[in-house]
């Protein structure tokens, strides 16, 4: 299908993009396009104006400073996957990027676009929650920072405001002695996560991020408590995850997704222990 008619805009600065957002009603920001364009073709989204961030300067690149990586929102999944700096100090972020979609998606899709779109089956949201990413949004009144725990609000809904641009994602460096791993049960065609679990052990303090199972990514508090007491696969073996509120579609029932959360968590813990 073809999308409904729209006007195309290509600003070259964040300031110009914000001006367009402010004056153009019914507008959408375009990053890599792998989320918005399919929705437009299916007429699930019909914006009157599309603001392409592809030519905006300063929104790409990966830098480290004082134990934190700053990743430009328009940095592609491939750049995250292949970053030598990330592989050296936060390799699990590169590993997560490597299992997103296929090479075509990873070479065009962006980390910021994925995290702002917040598809319930996307991979990076679980990583963001478990590692404690921070999101820097810029609006007409300046910048503000949102923590990962406050970012995902519901189905394809985040804390970013209509008049803001997500410019930077802050990724903390893993401390010595920590272990982390992302495991997912993928859809065989799309590679989206039917259920994905990210486990991070920060020296006894554990965070567990879940994607694919619910309307948006979330933390699993019961598993975090059990794994903080003893970081071992058997710690979560007896936890019966509630199916209430989990996704129900042609790919999996809520009960099956609840079962997969435990299975994927155990596998992630096993791998994290080896690290």
C-alpha atoms as a PDB file:
ATOM      1  CA  UNK A   1       0.000   0.000   0.000  1.00  0.00           C
ATOM      2  CA  UNK A   2       0.968   3.617  -0.451  1.00  0.00           C
ATOM      3  CA  UNK A   3       0.912   6.065   2.465  1.00  0.00           C
ATOM      4  CA  UNK A   4      -1.514   8.969   2.550  1.00  0.00           C
ATOM      5  CA  UNK A   5      -0.217  12.238   1.116  1.00  0.00           C
ATOM      6  CA  UNK A   6       2.166  14.207   3.356  1.00  0.00           C
ATOM      7  CA  UNK A   7       4.677  17.044   3.206  1.00  0.00           C
ATOM      8  CA  UNK A   8       8.339  16.161   3.656  1.00  0.00           C
ATOM      9  CA  UNK A   9      10.770  18.324   5.653  1.00  0.00           C
ATOM     10  CA  UNK A  10      14.525  17.824   6.093  1.00  0.00           C
ATOM     11  CA  UNK A  11      15.979  20.143   8.773  1.00  0.00           C
ATOM     12  CA  UNK A  12      19.735  20.253   9.324  1.00  0.00           C
ATOM     13  CA  UNK A  13      19.767  21.142  13.028  1.00  0.00           C
ATOM     14  CA  UNK A  14      17.879  20.194  16.176  1.00  0.00           C
ATOM     15  CA  UNK A  15      16.825  23.836  16.491  1.00  0.00           C
ATOM     16  CA  UNK A  16      15.229  23.776  13.037  1.00  0.00           C
ATOM     17  CA  UNK A  17      13.551  20.444  13.745  1.00  0.00           C
ATOM     18  CA  UNK A  18      12.042  21.868  16.932  1.00  0.00           C
ATOM     19  CA  UNK A  19      10.765  24.922  15.038  1.00  0.00           C
ATOM     20  CA  UNK A  20       9.016  22.656  12.558  1.00  0.00           C
ATOM     21  CA  UNK A  21       7.513  20.570  15.368  1.00  0.00           C
ATOM     22  CA  UNK A  22       6.251  23.734  16.981  1.00  0.00           C
ATOM     23  CA  UNK A  23       4.499  25.166  13.950  1.00  0.00           C
ATOM     24  CA  UNK A  24       3.371  22.085  12.019  1.00  0.00           C
ATOM     25  CA  UNK A  25       0.301  20.357  13.374  1.00  0.00           C
ATOM     26  CA  UNK A  26      -0.023  16.604  12.894  1.00  0.00           C
ATOM     27  CA  UNK A  27       3.685  15.992  12.250  1.00  0.00           C
ATOM     28  CA  UNK A  28       5.916  12.977  12.866  1.00  0.00           C
ATOM     29  CA  UNK A  29       9.677  12.675  13.266  1.00  0.00           C
ATOM     30  CA  UNK A  30      11.413  10.213  10.958  1.00  0.00           C
ATOM     31  CA  UNK A  31      14.595   8.459  12.112  1.00  0.00           C
ATOM     32  CA  UNK A  32      15.560   5.219  10.338  1.00  0.00           C
ATOM     33  CA  UNK A  33      12.036   4.701   9.025  1.00  0.00           C
ATOM     34  CA  UNK A  34      11.642   1.009   9.839  1.00  0.00           C
ATOM     35  CA  UNK A  35       8.806   1.715  12.269  1.00  0.00           C
ATOM     36  CA  UNK A  36       7.041   4.792  10.908  1.00  0.00           C
ATOM     37  CA  UNK A  37       7.058   3.996   7.169  1.00  0.00           C
ATOM     38  CA  UNK A  38       5.375   0.560   7.484  1.00  0.00           C
ATOM     39  CA  UNK A  39       2.709   2.111   9.728  1.00  0.00           C
ATOM     40  CA  UNK A  40       2.134   4.851   7.152  1.00  0.00           C
ATOM     41  CA  UNK A  41       1.838   2.313   4.341  1.00  0.00           C
ATOM     42  CA  UNK A  42      -0.788   0.438   6.330  1.00  0.00           C
ATOM     43  CA  UNK A  43      -2.540   3.769   7.060  1.00  0.00           C
ATOM     44  CA  UNK A  44      -2.121   3.136  10.792  1.00  0.00           C
ATOM     45  CA  UNK A  45      -0.338   6.495  10.869  1.00  0.00           C
ATOM     46  CA  UNK A  46      -1.297   9.355   8.533  1.00  0.00           C
ATOM     47  CA  UNK A  47       0.743  12.419   9.500  1.00  0.00           C
ATOM     48  CA  UNK A  48       0.330  15.546   7.408  1.00  0.00           C
ATOM     49  CA  UNK A  49       4.021  16.357   7.832  1.00  0.00           C
ATOM     50  CA  UNK A  50       7.090  14.103   8.094  1.00  0.00           C
ATOM     51  CA  UNK A  51      10.220  15.679   9.600  1.00  0.00           C
ATOM     52  CA  UNK A  52      13.293  13.668   8.575  1.00  0.00           C
ATOM     53  CA  UNK A  53      16.136  13.803  11.116  1.00  0.00           C
ATOM     54  CA  UNK A  54      18.598  12.163   8.736  1.00  0.00           C
ATOM     55  CA  UNK A  55      20.405  15.407   7.888  1.00  0.00           C
ATOM     56  CA  UNK A  56      20.441  16.848  11.404  1.00  0.00           C
ATOM     57  CA  UNK A  57      24.016  17.340  12.563  1.00  0.00           C
ATOM     58  CA  UNK A  58      25.253  16.069  15.908  1.00  0.00           C
ATOM     59  CA  UNK A  59      22.819  13.202  16.403  1.00  0.00           C
ATOM     60  CA  UNK A  60      25.203  10.339  15.582  1.00  0.00           C
ATOM     61  CA  UNK A  61      28.293   8.913  17.223  1.00  0.00           C
ATOM     62  CA  UNK A  62      29.429   7.034  20.320  1.00  0.00           C
ATOM     63  CA  UNK A  63      31.661   8.668  22.950  1.00  0.00           C
ATOM     64  CA  UNK A  64      32.784   7.716  26.456  1.00  0.00           C
ATOM     65  CA  UNK A  65      33.333  10.168  29.284  1.00  0.00           C
ATOM     66  CA  UNK A  66      33.603   9.523  33.029  1.00  0.00           C
ATOM     67  CA  UNK A  67      32.174   6.026  32.953  1.00  0.00           C
ATOM     68  CA  UNK A  68      29.246   6.804  30.666  1.00  0.00           C
ATOM     69  CA  UNK A  69      28.803   6.349  26.922  1.00  0.00           C
ATOM     70  CA  UNK A  70      26.821   8.990  25.075  1.00  0.00           C
ATOM     71  CA  UNK A  71      25.171   7.539  21.992  1.00  0.00           C
ATOM     72  CA  UNK A  72      23.579   9.865  19.459  1.00  0.00           C
ATOM     73  CA  UNK A  73      19.929   9.026  18.892  1.00  0.00           C
ATOM     74  CA  UNK A  74      20.436   8.684  15.118  1.00  0.00           C
ATOM     75  CA  UNK A  75      23.267   6.174  15.548  1.00  0.00           C
ATOM     76  CA  UNK A  76      22.372   3.027  13.623  1.00  0.00           C
ATOM     77  CA  UNK A  77      22.014  -0.396  15.190  1.00  0.00           C
ATOM     78  CA  UNK A  78      24.973  -1.497  13.059  1.00  0.00           C
ATOM     79  CA  UNK A  79      27.182   1.228  14.528  1.00  0.00           C
ATOM     80  CA  UNK A  80      26.171   0.121  18.027  1.00  0.00           C
ATOM     81  CA  UNK A  81      26.762  -3.520  17.097  1.00  0.00           C
ATOM     82  CA  UNK A  82      30.219  -2.865  15.624  1.00  0.00           C
ATOM     83  CA  UNK A  83      31.487  -0.242  18.109  1.00  0.00           C
ATOM     84  CA  UNK A  84      34.872  -1.313  19.472  1.00  0.00           C
ATOM     85  CA  UNK A  85      34.445   1.011  22.454  1.00  0.00           C
ATOM     86  CA  UNK A  86      31.101  -0.517  23.461  1.00  0.00           C
ATOM     87  CA  UNK A  87      32.376  -4.049  22.877  1.00  0.00           C
ATOM     88  CA  UNK A  88      35.262  -3.352  25.248  1.00  0.00           C
ATOM     89  CA  UNK A  89      33.230  -1.977  28.162  1.00  0.00           C
ATOM     90  CA  UNK A  90      29.527  -2.711  27.576  1.00  0.00           C
ATOM     91  CA  UNK A  91      29.620  -5.632  25.120  1.00  0.00           C
ATOM     92  CA  UNK A  92      26.082  -6.750  25.906  1.00  0.00           C
ATOM     93  CA  UNK A  93      24.683  -3.566  24.322  1.00  0.00           C
ATOM     94  CA  UNK A  94      26.447  -4.444  21.066  1.00  0.00           C
ATOM     95  CA  UNK A  95      25.188  -8.011  21.398  1.00  0.00           C
ATOM     96  CA  UNK A  96      21.617  -6.784  21.742  1.00  0.00           C
ATOM     97  CA  UNK A  97      21.968  -4.606  18.655  1.00  0.00           C
ATOM     98  CA  UNK A  98      23.307  -7.616  16.740  1.00  0.00           C
ATOM     99  CA  UNK A  99      20.060  -9.585  17.159  1.00  0.00           C
ATOM    100  CA  UNK A 100      17.758  -6.793  15.971  1.00  0.00           C
ATOM    101  CA  UNK A 101      15.982  -7.673  12.720  1.00  0.00           C
ATOM    102  CA  UNK A 102      18.298  -8.360   9.813  1.00  0.00           C
ATOM    103  CA  UNK A 103      21.330  -6.547   8.287  1.00  0.00           C
ATOM    104  CA  UNK A 104      19.114  -4.200   6.255  1.00  0.00           C
ATOM    105  CA  UNK A 105      17.246  -3.126   9.381  1.00  0.00           C
ATOM    106  CA  UNK A 106      20.419  -2.740  11.431  1.00  0.00           C
ATOM    107  CA  UNK A 107      22.137  -0.610   8.798  1.00  0.00           C
ATOM    108  CA  UNK A 108      19.259   1.870   8.571  1.00  0.00           C
ATOM    109  CA  UNK A 109      17.342   1.607  11.835  1.00  0.00           C
ATOM    110  CA  UNK A 110      18.502   3.779  14.731  1.00  0.00           C
ATOM    111  CA  UNK A 111      18.801   3.210  18.465  1.00  0.00           C
ATOM    112  CA  UNK A 112      16.921   6.424  19.225  1.00  0.00           C
ATOM    113  CA  UNK A 113      14.150   5.676  16.764  1.00  0.00           C
ATOM    114  CA  UNK A 114      13.608   2.236  18.282  1.00  0.00           C
ATOM    115  CA  UNK A 115      13.594   3.481  21.878  1.00  0.00           C
ATOM    116  CA  UNK A 116      11.316   6.425  21.066  1.00  0.00           C
ATOM    117  CA  UNK A 117       8.888   4.242  19.089  1.00  0.00           C
ATOM    118  CA  UNK A 118       8.870   1.644  21.896  1.00  0.00           C
ATOM    119  CA  UNK A 119       7.501  -1.290  19.948  1.00  0.00           C
ATOM    120  CA  UNK A 120       6.409  -3.850  22.563  1.00  0.00           C
ATOM    121  CA  UNK A 121       8.504  -6.546  20.856  1.00  0.00           C
ATOM    122  CA  UNK A 122      11.675  -4.502  20.290  1.00  0.00           C
ATOM    123  CA  UNK A 123      14.936  -5.743  21.814  1.00  0.00           C
ATOM    124  CA  UNK A 124      16.702  -2.610  23.061  1.00  0.00           C
ATOM    125  CA  UNK A 125      14.006  -1.541  25.594  1.00  0.00           C
ATOM    126  CA  UNK A 126      14.794  -4.527  27.855  1.00  0.00           C
ATOM    127  CA  UNK A 127      18.469  -3.590  27.696  1.00  0.00           C
ATOM    128  CA  UNK A 128      17.687   0.033  28.491  1.00  0.00           C
ATOM    129  CA  UNK A 129      15.676  -0.877  31.582  1.00  0.00           C
ATOM    130  CA  UNK A 130      18.109  -3.458  32.936  1.00  0.00           C
ATOM    131  CA  UNK A 131      21.233  -1.320  32.456  1.00  0.00           C
ATOM    132  CA  UNK A 132      19.606   1.948  33.482  1.00  0.00           C
ATOM    133  CA  UNK A 133      19.943   4.020  30.316  1.00  0.00           C
ATOM    134  CA  UNK A 134      19.189   7.732  30.482  1.00  0.00           C
ATOM    135  CA  UNK A 135      17.419   9.637  27.705  1.00  0.00           C
ATOM    136  CA  UNK A 136      18.243  13.244  26.866  1.00  0.00           C
ATOM    137  CA  UNK A 137      15.338  15.088  25.235  1.00  0.00           C
ATOM    138  CA  UNK A 138      15.591  18.578  23.809  1.00  0.00           C
ATOM    139  CA  UNK A 139      12.699  21.019  23.475  1.00  0.00           C
ATOM    140  CA  UNK A 140      12.190  24.725  22.930  1.00  0.00           C
ATOM    141  CA  UNK A 141      12.901  25.388  26.624  1.00  0.00           C
ATOM    142  CA  UNK A 142      16.100  23.332  26.754  1.00  0.00           C
ATOM    143  CA  UNK A 143      17.153  19.798  27.640  1.00  0.00           C
ATOM    144  CA  UNK A 144      15.905  17.333  30.213  1.00  0.00           C
ATOM    145  CA  UNK A 145      16.999  13.833  31.191  1.00  0.00           C
ATOM    146  CA  UNK A 146      14.658  10.897  31.744  1.00  0.00           C
ATOM    147  CA  UNK A 147      15.687   7.684  33.492  1.00  0.00           C
ATOM    148  CA  UNK A 148      14.902   4.336  31.891  1.00  0.00           C
ATOM    149  CA  UNK A 149      12.460   3.389  34.659  1.00  0.00           C
ATOM    150  CA  UNK A 150      10.385   6.455  33.759  1.00  0.00           C
ATOM    151  CA  UNK A 151      10.706   6.222  29.974  1.00  0.00           C
ATOM    152  CA  UNK A 152       8.268   3.489  28.881  1.00  0.00           C
ATOM    153  CA  UNK A 153       4.686   4.496  29.622  1.00  0.00           C
ATOM    154  CA  UNK A 154       2.599   1.961  27.687  1.00  0.00           C
ATOM    155  CA  UNK A 155       1.961   0.588  24.220  1.00  0.00           C
ATOM    156  CA  UNK A 156       4.257   2.570  21.898  1.00  0.00           C
ATOM    157  CA  UNK A 157       4.212   5.399  24.416  1.00  0.00           C
ATOM    158  CA  UNK A 158       7.223   6.978  26.104  1.00  0.00           C
ATOM    159  CA  UNK A 159       8.017   9.996  28.256  1.00  0.00           C
ATOM    160  CA  UNK A 160       9.092  12.101  25.270  1.00  0.00           C
ATOM    161  CA  UNK A 161       6.795  15.055  24.641  1.00  0.00           C
ATOM    162  CA  UNK A 162       5.232  16.004  21.298  1.00  0.00           C
ATOM    163  CA  UNK A 163       7.450  19.091  21.025  1.00  0.00           C
ATOM    164  CA  UNK A 164      10.726  17.332  21.882  1.00  0.00           C
ATOM    165  CA  UNK A 165      13.488  15.485  20.047  1.00  0.00           C
ATOM    166  CA  UNK A 166      15.357  12.584  21.626  1.00  0.00           C
ATOM    167  CA  UNK A 167      18.991  13.568  21.025  1.00  0.00           C
ATOM    168  CA  UNK A 168      21.160  11.302  23.182  1.00  0.00           C
ATOM    169  CA  UNK A 169      21.086   7.994  25.037  1.00  0.00           C
ATOM    170  CA  UNK A 170      23.446   7.627  28.004  1.00  0.00           C
ATOM    171  CA  UNK A 171      24.744   4.098  28.608  1.00  0.00           C
ATOM    172  CA  UNK A 172      26.616   3.372  31.869  1.00  0.00           C
ATOM    173  CA  UNK A 173      29.837   1.359  31.757  1.00  0.00           C
ATOM    174  CA  UNK A 174      29.528  -2.002  33.490  1.00  0.00           C
ATOM    175  CA  UNK A 175      31.547  -2.105  36.730  1.00  0.00           C
ATOM    176  CA  UNK A 176      34.203  -4.763  37.268  1.00  0.00           C
ATOM    177  CA  UNK A 177      32.787  -8.111  38.351  1.00  0.00           C
ATOM    178  CA  UNK A 178      29.355  -7.543  36.855  1.00  0.00           C
ATOM    179  CA  UNK A 179      27.647  -9.906  34.469  1.00  0.00           C
ATOM    180  CA  UNK A 180      24.873  -9.317  31.962  1.00  0.00           C
ATOM    181  CA  UNK A 181      23.088 -11.091  29.142  1.00  0.00           C
ATOM    182  CA  UNK A 182      20.089 -10.686  26.837  1.00  0.00           C
ATOM    183  CA  UNK A 183      18.181 -13.758  25.702  1.00  0.00           C
ATOM    184  CA  UNK A 184      15.079 -13.824  23.535  1.00  0.00           C
ATOM    185  CA  UNK A 185      12.610 -16.249  22.004  1.00  0.00           C
ATOM    186  CA  UNK A 186      12.308 -14.682  18.545  1.00  0.00           C
ATOM    187  CA  UNK A 187       9.581 -14.765  15.960  1.00  0.00           C
ATOM    188  CA  UNK A 188      11.112 -16.906  13.178  1.00  0.00           C
ATOM    189  CA  UNK A 189      10.361 -14.400  10.395  1.00  0.00           C
ATOM    190  CA  UNK A 190      10.545 -10.891  11.844  1.00  0.00           C
ATOM    191  CA  UNK A 191      13.090 -11.702  14.584  1.00  0.00           C
ATOM    192  CA  UNK A 192      11.053  -9.544  16.964  1.00  0.00           C
ATOM    193  CA  UNK A 193      11.012 -10.848  20.528  1.00  0.00           C
ATOM    194  CA  UNK A 194       8.005 -12.933  21.471  1.00  0.00           C
ATOM    195  CA  UNK A 195       9.701 -12.700  24.850  1.00  0.00           C
ATOM    196  CA  UNK A 196      13.115 -11.206  25.584  1.00  0.00           C
ATOM    197  CA  UNK A 197      14.826 -11.073  28.978  1.00  0.00           C
ATOM    198  CA  UNK A 198      17.853  -8.989  29.924  1.00  0.00           C
ATOM    199  CA  UNK A 199      19.564  -9.832  33.220  1.00  0.00           C
ATOM    200  CA  UNK A 200      22.234  -7.591  34.737  1.00  0.00           C
ATOM    201  CA  UNK A 201      24.102  -8.379  37.972  1.00  0.00           C
ATOM    202  CA  UNK A 202      25.879  -5.347  39.383  1.00  0.00           C
ATOM    203  CA  UNK A 203      27.785  -7.123  42.151  1.00  0.00           C
ATOM    204  CA  UNK A 204      24.732  -8.401  44.009  1.00  0.00           C
ATOM    205  CA  UNK A 205      22.220  -5.841  42.820  1.00  0.00           C
ATOM    206  CA  UNK A 206      20.249  -7.359  39.954  1.00  0.00           C
ATOM    207  CA  UNK A 207      17.959  -5.755  37.391  1.00  0.00           C
ATOM    208  CA  UNK A 208      15.767  -7.779  35.030  1.00  0.00           C
ATOM    209  CA  UNK A 209      14.230  -6.170  31.950  1.00  0.00           C
ATOM    210  CA  UNK A 210      11.440  -7.861  29.982  1.00  0.00           C
ATOM    211  CA  UNK A 211      10.329  -7.123  26.426  1.00  0.00           C
ATOM    212  CA  UNK A 212       7.840  -8.774  24.069  1.00  0.00           C
ATOM    213  CA  UNK A 213       5.679 -10.047  26.905  1.00  0.00           C
ATOM    214  CA  UNK A 214       3.572  -6.971  27.689  1.00  0.00           C
ATOM    215  CA  UNK A 215       2.343  -3.738  26.080  1.00  0.00           C
ATOM    216  CA  UNK A 216       5.728  -2.173  26.888  1.00  0.00           C
ATOM    217  CA  UNK A 217       9.042  -3.193  28.416  1.00  0.00           C
ATOM    218  CA  UNK A 218       9.038  -3.664  32.181  1.00  0.00           C
ATOM    219  CA  UNK A 219      11.123  -4.869  35.117  1.00  0.00           C
ATOM    220  CA  UNK A 220      10.428  -8.157  36.920  1.00  0.00           C
ATOM    221  CA  UNK A 221      10.733  -7.294  40.610  1.00  0.00           C
ATOM    222  CA  UNK A 222      10.236 -10.824  41.978  1.00  0.00           C
ATOM    223  CA  UNK A 223      13.073 -12.195  39.867  1.00  0.00           C
ATOM    224  CA  UNK A 224      15.297  -9.254  40.758  1.00  0.00           C
ATOM    225  CA  UNK A 225      14.801  -9.959  44.473  1.00  0.00           C
ATOM    226  CA  UNK A 226      15.488 -13.684  44.109  1.00  0.00           C
ATOM    227  CA  UNK A 227      18.577 -13.175  41.969  1.00  0.00           C
ATOM    228  CA  UNK A 228      19.951 -10.458  44.242  1.00  0.00           C
ATOM    229  CA  UNK A 229      19.847 -12.978  47.087  1.00  0.00           C
ATOM    230  CA  UNK A 230      21.493 -15.675  44.987  1.00  0.00           C
ATOM    231  CA  UNK A 231      22.511 -15.158  41.390  1.00  0.00           C
ATOM    232  CA  UNK A 232      21.807 -18.598  39.982  1.00  0.00           C
ATOM    233  CA  UNK A 233      19.320 -20.142  37.509  1.00  0.00           C
ATOM    234  CA  UNK A 234      17.594 -22.113  40.255  1.00  0.00           C
ATOM    235  CA  UNK A 235      16.693 -18.870  42.023  1.00  0.00           C
ATOM    236  CA  UNK A 236      14.039 -18.132  39.397  1.00  0.00           C
ATOM    237  CA  UNK A 237      13.042 -21.711  38.587  1.00  0.00           C
ATOM    238  CA  UNK A 238      10.238 -21.730  41.122  1.00  0.00           C
ATOM    239  CA  UNK A 239       8.860 -18.286  40.321  1.00  0.00           C
ATOM    240  CA  UNK A 240       5.469 -18.497  38.646  1.00  0.00           C
ATOM    241  CA  UNK A 241       5.085 -15.351  36.562  1.00  0.00           C
ATOM    242  CA  UNK A 242       1.516 -14.067  36.419  1.00  0.00           C
ATOM    243  CA  UNK A 243      -0.067 -14.054  32.963  1.00  0.00           C
ATOM    244  CA  UNK A 244      -2.427 -11.177  33.783  1.00  0.00           C
ATOM    245  CA  UNK A 245      -1.778  -8.209  31.515  1.00  0.00           C
ATOM    246  CA  UNK A 246       0.615 -10.029  29.193  1.00  0.00           C
ATOM    247  CA  UNK A 247       0.149  -9.926  25.417  1.00  0.00           C
ATOM    248  CA  UNK A 248      -2.242 -12.321  23.748  1.00  0.00           C
ATOM    249  CA  UNK A 249      -1.891 -12.727  19.986  1.00  0.00           C
ATOM    250  CA  UNK A 250      -1.495 -15.334  17.267  1.00  0.00           C
ATOM    251  CA  UNK A 251       2.163 -15.825  18.241  1.00  0.00           C
ATOM    252  CA  UNK A 252       1.701 -16.735  21.892  1.00  0.00           C
ATOM    253  CA  UNK A 253      -0.832 -16.759  24.713  1.00  0.00           C
ATOM    254  CA  UNK A 254      -0.289 -14.808  27.958  1.00  0.00           C
ATOM    255  CA  UNK A 255       0.334 -18.101  29.774  1.00  0.00           C
ATOM    256  CA  UNK A 256       2.993 -19.173  27.285  1.00  0.00           C
ATOM    257  CA  UNK A 257       4.682 -15.778  27.493  1.00  0.00           C
ATOM    258  CA  UNK A 258       4.715 -16.057  31.293  1.00  0.00           C
ATOM    259  CA  UNK A 259       6.405 -19.453  30.939  1.00  0.00           C
ATOM    260  CA  UNK A 260       8.938 -18.050  28.460  1.00  0.00           C
ATOM    261  CA  UNK A 261       9.916 -15.254  30.855  1.00  0.00           C
ATOM    262  CA  UNK A 262      11.158 -17.850  33.336  1.00  0.00           C
ATOM    263  CA  UNK A 263      12.860 -19.958  30.654  1.00  0.00           C
ATOM    264  CA  UNK A 264      14.652 -17.004  29.048  1.00  0.00           C
ATOM    265  CA  UNK A 265      15.618 -15.570  32.435  1.00  0.00           C
ATOM    266  CA  UNK A 266      17.262 -18.839  33.502  1.00  0.00           C
ATOM    267  CA  UNK A 267      19.219 -18.977  30.241  1.00  0.00           C
ATOM    268  CA  UNK A 268      20.304 -15.356  30.579  1.00  0.00           C
ATOM    269  CA  UNK A 269      21.510 -15.963  34.148  1.00  0.00           C
ATOM    270  CA  UNK A 270      23.511 -18.984  33.062  1.00  0.00           C
ATOM    271  CA  UNK A 271      25.227 -16.957  30.357  1.00  0.00           C
ATOM    272  CA  UNK A 272      25.785 -13.947  32.632  1.00  0.00           C
ATOM    273  CA  UNK A 273      27.428 -16.190  35.228  1.00  0.00           C
ATOM    274  CA  UNK A 274      29.967 -17.354  32.662  1.00  0.00           C
ATOM    275  CA  UNK A 275      30.971 -13.708  32.225  1.00  0.00           C
END
